[in-house]
Amino acid sequence: MIFINCAKAGIVDESDLYDASNRASVAAGVDVFEQESPQSSKLLELENVFATPHIGTNTMEGQEAVSLIIAEQVYNALHGRPYQNAVNIPFEKSTLTERMRLYFDLAEKWESLLPSSLRAA
C-alpha cells in the first residue's frame, strides 16, 4: 500500500504511520508533519518514506500573490461587486445576515484606518 499525505499536518498519527511503514506494509510520501521542522521525525529514518518540502504559498512571491487576490476579493465584496473564492457567505453584501453584515462593516472601518496611499480606489 502507498500512503500520501500532502494535505494537513496532524490528520495522520505519525507513530502509527511509522509502525506501518517500518513493517514494510506501507510506503509513504509526506510533505507535512506534526512538528515543523521535521528533523526529529522518526519517519525520516525509514527508506520507504519519502519526504518533500510543503511549499504551498511559502515563497515570497506566493505570499504576495495570495495577499493581492484576497485583498481584491474583500474589496469587491465590501463594495457590492462580484467576488470569488468566498466560503459560506452570500454573494452580495445586501443578502448577508445582520451578524455577517457587522463583520463587513468592521472591515470597512479598518480600511478607513489605512493611510490613503494604501486604500483601494
PDB file of N, CA and C in Angstrom:
ATOM      1  N   MET A   1       0.838  -1.171   0.000  1.00  0.00           N
ATOM      2  CA  MET A   1       0.000   0.000   0.000  1.00  0.00           C
ATOM      3  C   MET A   1       0.889   1.242   0.000  1.00  0.00           C
ATOM      4  N   ILE A   2       0.442   2.261  -0.708  1.00  0.00           N
ATOM      5  CA  ILE A   2       1.143   3.539  -0.743  1.00  0.00           C
ATOM      6  C   ILE A   2       0.238   4.584  -0.103  1.00  0.00           C
ATOM      7  N   PHE A   3       0.810   5.341   0.817  1.00  0.00           N
ATOM      8  CA  PHE A   3       0.067   6.379   1.522  1.00  0.00           C
ATOM      9  C   PHE A   3       0.726   7.724   1.243  1.00  0.00           C
ATOM     10  N   ILE A   4      -0.095   8.721   0.878  1.00  0.00           N
ATOM     11  CA  ILE A   4       0.426  10.066   0.624  1.00  0.00           C
ATOM     12  C   ILE A   4      -0.375  11.065   1.459  1.00  0.00           C
ATOM     13  N   ASN A   5       0.345  11.875   2.221  1.00  0.00           N
ATOM     14  CA  ASN A   5      -0.294  12.970   2.961  1.00  0.00           C
ATOM     15  C   ASN A   5       0.391  14.267   2.564  1.00  0.00           C
ATOM     16  N   CYS A   6      -0.332  15.069   1.799  1.00  0.00           N
ATOM     17  CA  CYS A   6       0.168  16.398   1.441  1.00  0.00           C
ATOM     18  C   CYS A   6      -0.918  17.427   1.736  1.00  0.00           C
ATOM     19  N   ALA A   7      -1.831  17.071   2.633  1.00  0.00           N
ATOM     20  CA  ALA A   7      -2.960  17.936   2.918  1.00  0.00           C
ATOM     21  C   ALA A   7      -2.730  18.819   4.124  1.00  0.00           C
ATOM     22  N   LYS A   8      -2.574  18.203   5.279  1.00  0.00           N
ATOM     23  CA  LYS A   8      -2.506  18.980   6.508  1.00  0.00           C
ATOM     24  C   LYS A   8      -1.801  18.176   7.579  1.00  0.00           C
ATOM     25  N   ALA A   9      -1.003  18.865   8.359  1.00  0.00           N
ATOM     26  CA  ALA A   9      -0.326  18.204   9.474  1.00  0.00           C
ATOM     27  C   ALA A   9      -1.344  17.829  10.540  1.00  0.00           C
ATOM     28  N   GLY A  10      -1.065  16.726  11.227  1.00  0.00           N
ATOM     29  CA  GLY A  10      -1.910  16.335  12.342  1.00  0.00           C
ATOM     30  C   GLY A  10      -3.087  15.450  11.987  1.00  0.00           C
ATOM     31  N   ILE A  11      -3.377  15.250  10.699  1.00  0.00           N
ATOM     32  CA  ILE A  11      -4.504  14.372  10.370  1.00  0.00           C
ATOM     33  C   ILE A  11      -4.082  12.913  10.333  1.00  0.00           C
ATOM     34  N   VAL A  12      -2.783  12.677  10.394  1.00  0.00           N
ATOM     35  CA  VAL A  12      -2.241  11.322  10.421  1.00  0.00           C
ATOM     36  C   VAL A  12      -1.441  11.154  11.703  1.00  0.00           C
ATOM     37  N   ASP A  13      -1.667  10.054  12.392  1.00  0.00           N
ATOM     38  CA  ASP A  13      -0.866   9.744  13.574  1.00  0.00           C
ATOM     39  C   ASP A  13       0.481   9.232  13.078  1.00  0.00           C
ATOM     40  N   GLU A  14       1.527  10.037  13.258  1.00  0.00           N
ATOM     41  CA  GLU A  14       2.833   9.691  12.705  1.00  0.00           C
ATOM     42  C   GLU A  14       3.426   8.432  13.316  1.00  0.00           C
ATOM     43  N   SER A  15       3.136   8.143  14.573  1.00  0.00           N
ATOM     44  CA  SER A  15       3.668   6.907  15.168  1.00  0.00           C
ATOM     45  C   SER A  15       3.022   5.684  14.529  1.00  0.00           C
ATOM     46  N   ASP A  16       1.726   5.755  14.203  1.00  0.00           N
ATOM     47  CA  ASP A  16       1.069   4.649  13.502  1.00  0.00           C
ATOM     48  C   ASP A  16       1.622   4.491  12.084  1.00  0.00           C
ATOM     49  N   LEU A  17       1.837   5.614  11.406  1.00  0.00           N
ATOM     50  CA  LEU A  17       2.403   5.552  10.062  1.00  0.00           C
ATOM     51  C   LEU A  17       3.826   4.988  10.110  1.00  0.00           C
ATOM     52  N   TYR A  18       4.575   5.361  11.114  1.00  0.00           N
ATOM     53  CA  TYR A  18       5.929   4.825  11.291  1.00  0.00           C
ATOM     54  C   TYR A  18       5.866   3.307  11.474  1.00  0.00           C
ATOM     55  N   ASP A  19       4.985   2.846  12.360  1.00  0.00           N
ATOM     56  CA  ASP A  19       4.870   1.408  12.609  1.00  0.00           C
ATOM     57  C   ASP A  19       4.506   0.650  11.332  1.00  0.00           C
ATOM     58  N   ALA A  20       3.532   1.169  10.587  1.00  0.00           N
ATOM     59  CA  ALA A  20       3.102   0.505   9.355  1.00  0.00           C
ATOM     60  C   ALA A  20       4.215   0.519   8.311  1.00  0.00           C
ATOM     61  N   SER A  21       4.908   1.644   8.200  1.00  0.00           N
ATOM     62  CA  SER A  21       5.993   1.747   7.218  1.00  0.00           C
ATOM     63  C   SER A  21       7.199   0.919   7.641  1.00  0.00           C
ATOM     64  N   ASN A  22       7.444   0.817   8.929  1.00  0.00           N
ATOM     65  CA  ASN A  22       8.573   0.041   9.439  1.00  0.00           C
ATOM     66  C   ASN A  22       8.378  -1.447   9.167  1.00  0.00           C
ATOM     67  N   ARG A  23       7.131  -1.911   9.152  1.00  0.00           N
ATOM     68  CA  ARG A  23       6.830  -3.307   8.825  1.00  0.00           C
ATOM     69  C   ARG A  23       6.838  -3.539   7.320  1.00  0.00           C
ATOM     70  N   ALA A  24       7.089  -2.481   6.553  1.00  0.00           N
ATOM     71  CA  ALA A  24       7.153  -2.541   5.088  1.00  0.00           C
ATOM     72  C   ALA A  24       5.805  -2.834   4.440  1.00  0.00           C
ATOM     73  N   SER A  25       4.720  -2.696   5.188  1.00  0.00           N
ATOM     74  CA  SER A  25       3.415  -2.901   4.564  1.00  0.00           C
ATOM     75  C   SER A  25       2.897  -1.610   3.932  1.00  0.00           C
ATOM     76  N   VAL A  26       3.554  -0.496   4.247  1.00  0.00           N
ATOM     77  CA  VAL A  26       3.139   0.800   3.714  1.00  0.00           C
ATOM     78  C   VAL A  26       4.376   1.581   3.286  1.00  0.00           C
ATOM     79  N   ALA A  27       4.314   2.128   2.082  1.00  0.00           N
ATOM     80  CA  ALA A  27       5.287   3.131   1.658  1.00  0.00           C
ATOM     81  C   ALA A  27       4.562   4.464   1.749  1.00  0.00           C
ATOM     82  N   ALA A  28       5.262   5.492   2.158  1.00  0.00           N
ATOM     83  CA  ALA A  28       4.577   6.761   2.390  1.00  0.00           C
ATOM     84  C   ALA A  28       5.318   7.905   1.724  1.00  0.00           C
ATOM     85  N   GLY A  29       4.533   8.867   1.282  1.00  0.00           N
ATOM     86  CA  GLY A  29       5.032  10.144   0.797  1.00  0.00           C
ATOM     87  C   GLY A  29       4.374  11.224   1.637  1.00  0.00           C
ATOM     88  N   VAL A  30       5.172  12.074   2.250  1.00  0.00           N
ATOM     89  CA  VAL A  30       4.623  13.120   3.125  1.00  0.00           C
ATOM     90  C   VAL A  30       5.323  14.449   2.856  1.00  0.00           C
ATOM     91  N   ASP A  31       4.562  15.522   3.003  1.00  0.00           N
ATOM     92  CA  ASP A  31       5.175  16.848   2.964  1.00  0.00           C
ATOM     93  C   ASP A  31       4.691  17.710   4.126  1.00  0.00           C
ATOM     94  N   VAL A  32       3.987  17.087   5.057  1.00  0.00           N
ATOM     95  CA  VAL A  32       3.543  17.771   6.269  1.00  0.00           C
ATOM     96  C   VAL A  32       3.808  16.869   7.469  1.00  0.00           C
ATOM     97  N   PHE A  33       4.148  17.477   8.570  1.00  0.00           N
ATOM     98  CA  PHE A  33       4.499  16.728   9.766  1.00  0.00           C
ATOM     99  C   PHE A  33       3.822  17.353  10.983  1.00  0.00           C
ATOM    100  N   GLU A  34       3.664  16.536  12.032  1.00  0.00           N
ATOM    101  CA  GLU A  34       3.067  17.043  13.267  1.00  0.00           C
ATOM    102  C   GLU A  34       3.872  18.208  13.821  1.00  0.00           C
ATOM    103  N   GLN A  35       5.180  18.098  13.751  1.00  0.00           N
ATOM    104  CA  GLN A  35       6.071  19.163  14.216  1.00  0.00           C
ATOM    105  C   GLN A  35       6.876  19.688  13.037  1.00  0.00           C
ATOM    106  N   GLU A  36       6.790  20.979  12.797  1.00  0.00           N
ATOM    107  CA  GLU A  36       7.631  21.605  11.777  1.00  0.00           C
ATOM    108  C   GLU A  36       8.779  22.282  12.498  1.00  0.00           C
ATOM    109  N   SER A  37       9.875  22.125  12.148  1.00  0.00           N
ATOM    110  CA  SER A  37      10.641  21.374  11.200  1.00  0.00           C
ATOM    111  C   SER A  37      10.680  19.896  11.593  1.00  0.00           C
ATOM    112  N   PRO A  38      10.661  19.021  10.603  1.00  0.00           N
ATOM    113  CA  PRO A  38      10.521  17.587  10.879  1.00  0.00           C
ATOM    114  C   PRO A  38      11.822  16.837  11.158  1.00  0.00           C
ATOM    115  N   GLN A  39      12.923  17.512  11.424  1.00  0.00           N
ATOM    116  CA  GLN A  39      14.197  16.812  11.601  1.00  0.00           C
ATOM    117  C   GLN A  39      14.117  15.724  12.665  1.00  0.00           C
ATOM    118  N   SER A  40      13.276  15.882  13.670  1.00  0.00           N
ATOM    119  CA  SER A  40      13.197  14.890  14.737  1.00  0.00           C
ATOM    120  C   SER A  40      12.183  13.777  14.449  1.00  0.00           C
ATOM    121  N   SER A  41      11.530  13.803  13.308  1.00  0.00           N
ATOM    122  CA  SER A  41      10.531  12.794  12.979  1.00  0.00           C
ATOM    123  C   SER A  41      11.187  11.448  12.701  1.00  0.00           C
ATOM    124  N   LYS A  42      10.692  10.406  13.351  1.00  0.00           N
ATOM    125  CA  LYS A  42      11.195   9.046  13.123  1.00  0.00           C
ATOM    126  C   LYS A  42      10.900   8.581  11.700  1.00  0.00           C
ATOM    127  N   LEU A  43       9.911   9.177  11.057  1.00  0.00           N
ATOM    128  CA  LEU A  43       9.578   8.783   9.688  1.00  0.00           C
ATOM    129  C   LEU A  43      10.760   8.975   8.748  1.00  0.00           C
ATOM    130  N   LEU A  44      11.588   9.965   9.018  1.00  0.00           N
ATOM    131  CA  LEU A  44      12.714  10.254   8.139  1.00  0.00           C
ATOM    132  C   LEU A  44      13.807   9.199   8.210  1.00  0.00           C
ATOM    133  N   GLU A  45      13.726   8.310   9.187  1.00  0.00           N
ATOM    134  CA  GLU A  45      14.706   7.240   9.323  1.00  0.00           C
ATOM    135  C   GLU A  45      14.433   6.086   8.358  1.00  0.00           C
ATOM    136  N   LEU A  46      13.222   6.015   7.827  1.00  0.00           N
ATOM    137  CA  LEU A  46      12.801   4.869   7.019  1.00  0.00           C
ATOM    138  C   LEU A  46      13.077   5.086   5.531  1.00  0.00           C
ATOM    139  N   GLU A  47      13.527   4.023   4.869  1.00  0.00           N
ATOM    140  CA  GLU A  47      13.846   4.116   3.445  1.00  0.00           C
ATOM    141  C   GLU A  47      12.606   4.129   2.559  1.00  0.00           C
ATOM    142  N   ASN A  48      11.469   3.664   3.070  1.00  0.00           N
ATOM    143  CA  ASN A  48      10.254   3.629   2.256  1.00  0.00           C
ATOM    144  C   ASN A  48       9.317   4.799   2.572  1.00  0.00           C
ATOM    145  N   VAL A  49       9.839   5.817   3.236  1.00  0.00           N
ATOM    146  CA  VAL A  49       9.087   7.058   3.466  1.00  0.00           C
ATOM    147  C   VAL A  49       9.820   8.172   2.736  1.00  0.00           C
ATOM    148  N   PHE A  50       9.090   8.850   1.876  1.00  0.00           N
ATOM    149  CA  PHE A  50       9.659   9.920   1.064  1.00  0.00           C
ATOM    150  C   PHE A  50       9.079  11.247   1.537  1.00  0.00           C
ATOM    151  N   ALA A  51       9.951  12.163   1.897  1.00  0.00           N
ATOM    152  CA  ALA A  51       9.512  13.466   2.407  1.00  0.00           C
ATOM    153  C   ALA A  51       9.953  14.562   1.450  1.00  0.00           C
ATOM    154  N   THR A  52       9.051  15.476   1.203  1.00  0.00           N
ATOM    155  CA  THR A  52       9.356  16.647   0.379  1.00  0.00           C
ATOM    156  C   THR A  52       8.915  17.888   1.139  1.00  0.00           C
ATOM    157  N   PRO A  53       9.444  19.046   0.798  1.00  0.00           N
ATOM    158  CA  PRO A  53       9.011  20.270   1.481  1.00  0.00           C
ATOM    159  C   PRO A  53       7.564  20.595   1.148  1.00  0.00           C
ATOM    160  N   HIS A  54       6.849  21.081   2.129  1.00  0.00           N
ATOM    161  CA  HIS A  54       5.473  21.554   1.932  1.00  0.00           C
ATOM    162  C   HIS A  54       5.570  23.034   1.609  1.00  0.00           C
ATOM    163  N   ILE A  55       5.515  23.350   0.342  1.00  0.00           N
ATOM    164  CA  ILE A  55       5.763  24.723  -0.065  1.00  0.00           C
ATOM    165  C   ILE A  55       4.484  25.554  -0.032  1.00  0.00           C
ATOM    166  N   GLY A  56       3.414  25.073  -0.625  1.00  0.00           N
ATOM    167  CA  GLY A  56       2.183  25.860  -0.647  1.00  0.00           C
ATOM    168  C   GLY A  56       2.462  27.263  -1.144  1.00  0.00           C
ATOM    169  N   THR A  57       2.135  28.251  -0.334  1.00  0.00           N
ATOM    170  CA  THR A  57       2.421  29.643  -0.700  1.00  0.00           C
ATOM    171  C   THR A  57       3.502  30.200   0.205  1.00  0.00           C
ATOM    172  N   ASN A  58       4.464  29.364   0.570  1.00  0.00           N
ATOM    173  CA  ASN A  58       5.506  29.812   1.485  1.00  0.00           C
ATOM    174  C   ASN A  58       6.675  30.487   0.789  1.00  0.00           C
ATOM    175  N   THR A  59       6.505  30.840  -0.456  1.00  0.00           N
ATOM    176  CA  THR A  59       7.524  31.652  -1.104  1.00  0.00           C
ATOM    177  C   THR A  59       7.082  33.102  -1.003  1.00  0.00           C
ATOM    178  N   MET A  60       8.009  34.001  -1.104  1.00  0.00           N
ATOM    179  CA  MET A  60       7.678  35.420  -1.039  1.00  0.00           C
ATOM    180  C   MET A  60       6.691  35.795  -2.155  1.00  0.00           C
ATOM    181  N   GLU A  61       6.933  35.276  -3.346  1.00  0.00           N
ATOM    182  CA  GLU A  61       6.064  35.572  -4.478  1.00  0.00           C
ATOM    183  C   GLU A  61       4.673  35.002  -4.257  1.00  0.00           C
ATOM    184  N   GLY A  62       4.612  33.784  -3.718  1.00  0.00           N
ATOM    185  CA  GLY A  62       3.319  33.158  -3.449  1.00  0.00           C
ATOM    186  C   GLY A  62       2.525  33.911  -2.412  1.00  0.00           C
ATOM    187  N   GLN A  63       3.180  34.337  -1.346  1.00  0.00           N
ATOM    188  CA  GLN A  63       2.506  35.111  -0.307  1.00  0.00           C
ATOM    189  C   GLN A  63       1.968  36.421  -0.872  1.00  0.00           C
ATOM    190  N   GLU A  64       2.773  37.086  -1.699  1.00  0.00           N
ATOM    191  CA  GLU A  64       2.340  38.355  -2.295  1.00  0.00           C
ATOM    192  C   GLU A  64       1.136  38.139  -3.210  1.00  0.00           C
ATOM    193  N   ALA A  65       1.202  37.110  -4.045  1.00  0.00           N
ATOM    194  CA  ALA A  65       0.107  36.839  -4.972  1.00  0.00           C
ATOM    195  C   ALA A  65      -1.188  36.524  -4.227  1.00  0.00           C
ATOM    196  N   VAL A  66      -1.109  35.681  -3.202  1.00  0.00           N
ATOM    197  CA  VAL A  66      -2.298  35.331  -2.427  1.00  0.00           C
ATOM    198  C   VAL A  66      -2.843  36.553  -1.701  1.00  0.00           C
ATOM    199  N   SER A  67      -1.961  37.381  -1.162  1.00  0.00           N
ATOM    200  CA  SER A  67      -2.388  38.593  -0.456  1.00  0.00           C
ATOM    201  C   SER A  67      -3.153  39.528  -1.383  1.00  0.00           C
ATOM    202  N   LEU A  68      -2.653  39.697  -2.595  1.00  0.00           N
ATOM    203  CA  LEU A  68      -3.330  40.571  -3.555  1.00  0.00           C
ATOM    204  C   LEU A  68      -4.693  40.023  -3.951  1.00  0.00           C
ATOM    205  N   ILE A  69      -4.769  38.725  -4.155  1.00  0.00           N
ATOM    206  CA  ILE A  69      -6.055  38.102  -4.513  1.00  0.00           C
ATOM    207  C   ILE A  69      -7.063  38.287  -3.387  1.00  0.00           C
ATOM    208  N   ILE A  70      -6.645  38.036  -2.167  1.00  0.00           N
ATOM    209  CA  ILE A  70      -7.546  38.171  -1.018  1.00  0.00           C
ATOM    210  C   ILE A  70      -8.006  39.615  -0.872  1.00  0.00           C
ATOM    211  N   ALA A  71      -7.070  40.564  -0.961  1.00  0.00           N
ATOM    212  CA  ALA A  71      -7.420  41.979  -0.818  1.00  0.00           C
ATOM    213  C   ALA A  71      -8.417  42.408  -1.887  1.00  0.00           C
ATOM    214  N   GLU A  72      -8.207  41.974  -3.113  1.00  0.00           N
ATOM    215  CA  GLU A  72      -9.117  42.327  -4.200  1.00  0.00           C
ATOM    216  C   GLU A  72     -10.514  41.744  -3.958  1.00  0.00           C
ATOM    217  N   GLN A  73     -10.572  40.497  -3.512  1.00  0.00           N
ATOM    218  CA  GLN A  73     -11.861  39.869  -3.279  1.00  0.00           C
ATOM    219  C   GLN A  73     -12.613  40.524  -2.111  1.00  0.00           C
ATOM    220  N   VAL A  74     -11.891  40.862  -1.046  1.00  0.00           N
ATOM    221  CA  VAL A  74     -12.527  41.545   0.085  1.00  0.00           C
ATOM    222  C   VAL A  74     -13.036  42.912  -0.358  1.00  0.00           C
ATOM    223  N   TYR A  75     -12.238  43.648  -1.111  1.00  0.00           N
ATOM    224  CA  TYR A  75     -12.645  44.955  -1.615  1.00  0.00           C
ATOM    225  C   TYR A  75     -13.925  44.828  -2.454  1.00  0.00           C
ATOM    226  N   ASN A  76     -13.922  43.871  -3.375  1.00  0.00           N
ATOM    227  CA  ASN A  76     -15.101  43.670  -4.213  1.00  0.00           C
ATOM    228  C   ASN A  76     -16.330  43.337  -3.372  1.00  0.00           C
ATOM    229  N   ALA A  77     -16.170  42.466  -2.405  1.00  0.00           N
ATOM    230  CA  ALA A  77     -17.303  42.084  -1.559  1.00  0.00           C
ATOM    231  C   ALA A  77     -17.827  43.276  -0.774  1.00  0.00           C
ATOM    232  N   LEU A  78     -16.941  44.094  -0.244  1.00  0.00           N
ATOM    233  CA  LEU A  78     -17.351  45.249   0.549  1.00  0.00           C
ATOM    234  C   LEU A  78     -18.044  46.319  -0.280  1.00  0.00           C
ATOM    235  N   HIS A  79     -17.770  46.334  -1.562  1.00  0.00           N
ATOM    236  CA  HIS A  79     -18.358  47.344  -2.434  1.00  0.00           C
ATOM    237  C   HIS A  79     -19.463  46.777  -3.326  1.00  0.00           C
ATOM    238  N   GLY A  80     -19.991  45.626  -2.953  1.00  0.00           N
ATOM    239  CA  GLY A  80     -21.131  45.056  -3.665  1.00  0.00           C
ATOM    240  C   GLY A  80     -20.815  44.536  -5.046  1.00  0.00           C
ATOM    241  N   ARG A  81     -19.549  44.309  -5.333  1.00  0.00           N
ATOM    242  CA  ARG A  81     -19.146  43.771  -6.632  1.00  0.00           C
ATOM    243  C   ARG A  81     -19.035  42.255  -6.537  1.00  0.00           C
ATOM    244  N   PRO A  82     -19.115  41.574  -7.667  1.00  0.00           N
ATOM    245  CA  PRO A  82     -18.940  40.114  -7.630  1.00  0.00           C
ATOM    246  C   PRO A  82     -17.546  39.741  -7.120  1.00  0.00           C
ATOM    247  N   TYR A  83     -17.478  38.656  -6.383  1.00  0.00           N
ATOM    248  CA  TYR A  83     -16.204  38.166  -5.874  1.00  0.00           C
ATOM    249  C   TYR A  83     -16.194  36.657  -5.928  1.00  0.00           C
ATOM    250  N   GLN A  84     -14.988  36.088  -5.900  1.00  0.00           N
ATOM    251  CA  GLN A  84     -14.826  34.642  -5.993  1.00  0.00           C
ATOM    252  C   GLN A  84     -14.194  34.119  -4.719  1.00  0.00           C
ATOM    253  N   ASN A  85     -14.192  32.811  -4.598  1.00  0.00           N
ATOM    254  CA  ASN A  85     -13.464  32.113  -3.546  1.00  0.00           C
ATOM    255  C   ASN A  85     -13.995  32.340  -2.142  1.00  0.00           C
ATOM    256  N   ALA A  86     -15.171  32.891  -1.998  1.00  0.00           N
ATOM    257  CA  ALA A  86     -15.738  33.049  -0.661  1.00  0.00           C
ATOM    258  C   ALA A  86     -16.374  31.732  -0.244  1.00  0.00           C
ATOM    259  N   VAL A  87     -16.208  31.378   1.001  1.00  0.00           N
ATOM    260  CA  VAL A  87     -16.755  30.138   1.513  1.00  0.00           C
ATOM    261  C   VAL A  87     -17.794  30.465   2.580  1.00  0.00           C
ATOM    262  N   ASN A  88     -18.960  29.909   2.431  1.00  0.00           N
ATOM    263  CA  ASN A  88     -20.017  30.009   3.433  1.00  0.00           C
ATOM    264  C   ASN A  88     -20.523  31.427   3.695  1.00  0.00           C
ATOM    265  N   ILE A  89     -20.446  32.296   2.703  1.00  0.00           N
ATOM    266  CA  ILE A  89     -21.093  33.598   2.857  1.00  0.00           C
ATOM    267  C   ILE A  89     -21.835  33.917   1.571  1.00  0.00           C
ATOM    268  N   PRO A  90     -22.922  34.675   1.654  1.00  0.00           N
ATOM    269  CA  PRO A  90     -23.691  35.015   0.453  1.00  0.00           C
ATOM    270  C   PRO A  90     -22.871  35.846  -0.525  1.00  0.00           C
ATOM    271  N   PHE A  91     -23.369  35.926  -1.753  1.00  0.00           N
ATOM    272  CA  PHE A  91     -22.634  36.580  -2.832  1.00  0.00           C
ATOM    273  C   PHE A  91     -22.631  38.095  -2.727  1.00  0.00           C
ATOM    274  N   GLU A  92     -23.676  38.741  -2.226  1.00  0.00           N
ATOM    275  CA  GLU A  92     -23.735  40.197  -2.137  1.00  0.00           C
ATOM    276  C   GLU A  92     -23.961  40.634  -0.702  1.00  0.00           C
ATOM    277  N   LYS A  93     -23.395  41.789  -0.365  1.00  0.00           N
ATOM    278  CA  LYS A  93     -23.489  42.298   1.000  1.00  0.00           C
ATOM    279  C   LYS A  93     -24.955  42.462   1.426  1.00  0.00           C
ATOM    280  N   SER A  94     -25.808  42.879   0.509  1.00  0.00           N
ATOM    281  CA  SER A  94     -27.208  43.121   0.854  1.00  0.00           C
ATOM    282  C   SER A  94     -27.940  41.849   1.277  1.00  0.00           C
ATOM    283  N   THR A  95     -27.401  40.682   0.938  1.00  0.00           N
ATOM    284  CA  THR A  95     -28.056  39.430   1.303  1.00  0.00           C
ATOM    285  C   THR A  95     -27.481  38.808   2.575  1.00  0.00           C
ATOM    286  N   LEU A  96     -26.544  39.508   3.206  1.00  0.00           N
ATOM    287  CA  LEU A  96     -25.930  38.976   4.418  1.00  0.00           C
ATOM    288  C   LEU A  96     -26.887  39.022   5.604  1.00  0.00           C
ATOM    289  N   THR A  97     -26.665  38.129   6.528  1.00  0.00           N
ATOM    290  CA  THR A  97     -27.392  38.210   7.787  1.00  0.00           C
ATOM    291  C   THR A  97     -26.885  39.430   8.552  1.00  0.00           C
ATOM    292  N   GLU A  98     -27.625  39.861   9.533  1.00  0.00           N
ATOM    293  CA  GLU A  98     -27.211  41.019  10.331  1.00  0.00           C
ATOM    294  C   GLU A  98     -25.849  40.781  10.971  1.00  0.00           C
ATOM    295  N   ARG A  99     -25.648  39.593  11.470  1.00  0.00           N
ATOM    296  CA  ARG A  99     -24.366  39.286  12.116  1.00  0.00           C
ATOM    297  C   ARG A  99     -23.210  39.375  11.130  1.00  0.00           C
ATOM    298  N   MET A 100     -23.359  38.791   9.925  1.00  0.00           N
ATOM    299  CA  MET A 100     -22.305  38.861   8.920  1.00  0.00           C
ATOM    300  C   MET A 100     -22.085  40.294   8.460  1.00  0.00           C
ATOM    301  N   ARG A 101     -23.152  41.081   8.366  1.00  0.00           N
ATOM    302  CA  ARG A 101     -23.025  42.477   7.957  1.00  0.00           C
ATOM    303  C   ARG A 101     -22.153  43.252   8.946  1.00  0.00           C
ATOM    304  N   LEU A 102     -22.231  42.897  10.232  1.00  0.00           N
ATOM    305  CA  LEU A 102     -21.391  43.551  11.235  1.00  0.00           C
ATOM    306  C   LEU A 102     -19.908  43.343  10.932  1.00  0.00           C
ATOM    307  N   TYR A 103     -19.541  42.139  10.493  1.00  0.00           N
ATOM    308  CA  TYR A 103     -18.144  41.873  10.148  1.00  0.00           C
ATOM    309  C   TYR A 103     -17.709  42.686   8.928  1.00  0.00           C
ATOM    310  N   PHE A 104     -18.575  42.789   7.939  1.00  0.00           N
ATOM    311  CA  PHE A 104     -18.245  43.594   6.769  1.00  0.00           C
ATOM    312  C   PHE A 104     -18.103  45.063   7.159  1.00  0.00           C
ATOM    313  N   ASP A 105     -19.006  45.550   7.998  1.00  0.00           N
ATOM    314  CA  ASP A 105     -18.914  46.938   8.453  1.00  0.00           C
ATOM    315  C   ASP A 105     -17.605  47.174   9.205  1.00  0.00           C
ATOM    316  N   LEU A 106     -17.210  46.218  10.013  1.00  0.00           N
ATOM    317  CA  LEU A 106     -15.954  46.339  10.740  1.00  0.00           C
ATOM    318  C   LEU A 106     -14.769  46.396   9.772  1.00  0.00           C
ATOM    319  N   ALA A 107     -14.789  45.553   8.751  1.00  0.00           N
ATOM    320  CA  ALA A 107     -13.709  45.560   7.761  1.00  0.00           C
ATOM    321  C   ALA A 107     -13.649  46.907   7.041  1.00  0.00           C
ATOM    322  N   GLU A 108     -14.792  47.487   6.740  1.00  0.00           N
ATOM    323  CA  GLU A 108     -14.799  48.807   6.105  1.00  0.00           C
ATOM    324  C   GLU A 108     -14.191  49.858   7.027  1.00  0.00           C
ATOM    325  N   LYS A 109     -14.466  49.770   8.320  1.00  0.00           N
ATOM    326  CA  LYS A 109     -13.889  50.716   9.286  1.00  0.00           C
ATOM    327  C   LYS A 109     -12.377  50.529   9.371  1.00  0.00           C
ATOM    328  N   TRP A 110     -11.922  49.270   9.313  1.00  0.00           N
ATOM    329  CA  TRP A 110     -10.489  49.015   9.326  1.00  0.00           C
ATOM    330  C   TRP A 110      -9.826  49.680   8.116  1.00  0.00           C
ATOM    331  N   GLU A 111     -10.496  49.597   6.963  1.00  0.00           N
ATOM    332  CA  GLU A 111      -9.940  50.212   5.761  1.00  0.00           C
ATOM    333  C   GLU A 111      -9.742  51.711   5.967  1.00  0.00           C
ATOM    334  N   SER A 112     -10.657  52.366   6.688  1.00  0.00           N
ATOM    335  CA  SER A 112     -10.530  53.804   6.899  1.00  0.00           C
ATOM    336  C   SER A 112      -9.318  54.164   7.757  1.00  0.00           C
ATOM    337  N   LEU A 113      -8.752  53.193   8.481  1.00  0.00           N
ATOM    338  CA  LEU A 113      -7.570  53.441   9.291  1.00  0.00           C
ATOM    339  C   LEU A 113      -6.272  53.396   8.478  1.00  0.00           C
ATOM    340  N   LEU A 114      -6.352  52.841   7.274  1.00  0.00           N
ATOM    341  CA  LEU A 114      -5.161  52.738   6.430  1.00  0.00           C
ATOM    342  C   LEU A 114      -4.772  54.117   5.907  1.00  0.00           C
ATOM    343  N   PRO A 115      -3.479  54.333   5.700  1.00  0.00           N
ATOM    344  CA  PRO A 115      -3.072  55.564   5.020  1.00  0.00           C
ATOM    345  C   PRO A 115      -3.725  55.625   3.643  1.00  0.00           C
ATOM    346  N   SER A 116      -4.032  56.802   3.161  1.00  0.00           N
ATOM    347  CA  SER A 116      -4.756  56.934   1.888  1.00  0.00           C
ATOM    348  C   SER A 116      -4.016  56.268   0.727  1.00  0.00           C
ATOM    349  N   SER A 117      -2.685  56.208   0.790  1.00  0.00           N
ATOM    350  CA  SER A 117      -1.931  55.580  -0.298  1.00  0.00           C
ATOM    351  C   SER A 117      -2.156  54.081  -0.372  1.00  0.00           C
ATOM    352  N   LEU A 118      -2.641  53.462   0.707  1.00  0.00           N
ATOM    353  CA  LEU A 118      -2.875  52.021   0.722  1.00  0.00           C
ATOM    354  C   LEU A 118      -4.336  51.659   0.516  1.00  0.00           C
ATOM    355  N   ARG A 119      -5.210  52.625   0.547  1.00  0.00           N
ATOM    356  CA  ARG A 119      -6.644  52.343   0.390  1.00  0.00           C
ATOM    357  C   ARG A 119      -6.972  52.037  -1.055  1.00  0.00           C
ATOM    358  N   ALA A 120      -7.974  51.186  -1.224  1.00  0.00           N
ATOM    359  CA  ALA A 120      -8.436  50.864  -2.576  1.00  0.00           C
ATOM    360  C   ALA A 120      -9.160  52.077  -3.148  1.00  0.00           C
ATOM    361  N   ALA A 121      -9.095  52.212  -4.450  1.00  0.00           N
ATOM    362  CA  ALA A 121      -9.738  53.352  -5.107  1.00  0.00           C
ATOM    363  C   ALA A 121     -11.234  53.247  -5.058  1.00  0.00           C
TER     364      ALA A 121
END
